Protein backbone atom coordinates (compact mmCIF):
# COMPACT_ATOMS: atom_id res chain seq x y z
CA UNK A 1 142.22 -80.20 -69.97
CA UNK A 2 144.57 -78.16 -71.10
CA UNK A 3 148.55 -78.73 -70.76
CA UNK A 4 151.52 -76.65 -70.57
CA UNK A 5 155.12 -76.80 -69.69
CA UNK A 6 155.88 -77.62 -66.01
CA UNK A 7 156.93 -74.02 -64.17
CA UNK A 8 159.18 -74.68 -61.54
CA UNK A 9 157.69 -73.70 -58.04
CA UNK A 10 160.22 -71.03 -57.61
CA UNK A 11 158.78 -68.61 -60.50
CA UNK A 12 154.94 -69.33 -58.79
CA UNK A 13 155.90 -68.41 -55.83
CA UNK A 14 157.86 -65.52 -56.80
CA UNK A 15 154.77 -64.55 -58.90
CA UNK A 16 152.89 -64.94 -55.90
CA UNK A 17 155.16 -62.66 -53.87
CA UNK A 18 154.86 -60.03 -56.27
CA UNK A 19 151.28 -59.79 -57.02
CA UNK A 20 149.71 -60.84 -53.76
CA UNK A 21 149.39 -57.81 -51.93
CA UNK A 22 148.50 -56.30 -55.09
CA UNK A 23 145.36 -53.92 -55.32
CA UNK A 24 144.78 -55.94 -58.69
CA UNK A 25 145.43 -59.48 -57.71
CA UNK A 26 141.73 -60.42 -57.03
CA UNK A 27 141.19 -59.13 -60.76
CA UNK A 28 143.64 -61.56 -62.08
CA UNK A 29 143.00 -64.57 -63.61
CA UNK A 30 145.54 -67.01 -62.56
CA UNK A 31 146.83 -70.32 -64.19
CA UNK A 32 145.35 -73.60 -62.50
CA UNK A 33 149.12 -74.00 -61.36
CA UNK A 34 149.09 -70.44 -59.29
CA UNK A 35 146.31 -71.61 -57.30
CA UNK A 36 147.22 -73.51 -53.99
CA UNK A 37 144.41 -75.94 -54.33
CA UNK A 38 145.66 -77.40 -57.65
CA UNK A 39 148.65 -79.33 -58.59
CA UNK A 40 149.30 -81.84 -61.22
CA UNK A 41 150.44 -84.79 -60.30
CA UNK A 42 152.46 -85.83 -63.43
CA UNK A 43 154.38 -82.39 -62.81
CA UNK A 44 155.36 -83.17 -59.00
CA UNK A 45 159.53 -83.34 -58.87
CA UNK A 46 159.31 -86.91 -57.66
CA UNK A 47 157.81 -88.29 -60.94
CA UNK A 48 159.96 -86.33 -62.61
CA UNK A 49 162.73 -87.72 -60.41
CA UNK A 50 161.74 -91.24 -61.04
CA UNK A 51 161.38 -90.37 -64.74
CA UNK A 52 164.95 -89.18 -65.09
CA UNK A 53 165.57 -92.50 -63.03
CA UNK A 54 164.09 -94.66 -65.41
CA UNK A 55 165.52 -92.95 -68.12
CA UNK A 56 168.68 -93.56 -67.13
CA UNK A 57 168.51 -97.31 -65.48
CA UNK A 58 166.93 -97.82 -69.87
CA UNK A 59 170.48 -96.21 -71.28
CA UNK A 60 172.43 -98.19 -68.99
CA UNK A 61 170.44 -101.54 -70.16
CA UNK A 62 171.14 -100.71 -73.95
CA UNK A 63 174.69 -99.72 -73.02
CA UNK A 64 174.92 -103.32 -71.70
CA UNK A 65 173.10 -104.85 -74.01
CA UNK A 66 175.18 -102.94 -76.78
CA UNK A 67 178.70 -104.07 -74.90
CA UNK A 68 177.44 -108.08 -74.91
CA UNK A 69 176.88 -107.88 -78.47
CA UNK A 70 180.01 -106.23 -79.50
CA UNK A 71 181.78 -109.26 -76.94
CA UNK A 72 179.61 -111.82 -79.09
CA UNK A 73 180.71 -110.78 -82.26
CA UNK A 74 184.43 -110.04 -81.40
CA UNK A 75 184.15 -114.11 -80.57
CA UNK A 76 182.60 -115.10 -83.30
CA UNK A 77 185.12 -113.27 -85.56
CA UNK A 78 187.75 -115.07 -83.38
CA UNK A 79 186.59 -118.21 -83.65
CA UNK A 80 186.23 -118.05 -87.33
CA UNK A 81 190.24 -116.72 -87.53
CA UNK A 82 191.28 -119.62 -85.52
CA UNK A 83 189.28 -122.14 -87.36
CA UNK A 84 190.38 -120.60 -90.90
């Protein structure tokens, strides 16, 4: 199966609107994404939104872990200063 970047729904609709009434529309070989019967599930908006949310959550977890590591390191340095 051939894959390509996601094509926004507005572009697909504009394509259909532009060419649907054309005499040559039936002769145009349409990409699968322009066919009414086909949609790749991995390009749905809900899946993209979920991926973006997962990415944001991962970034928050990384920031939290870095903050805790920095706090721990600061505590170790402060303890060292007090002892010596």
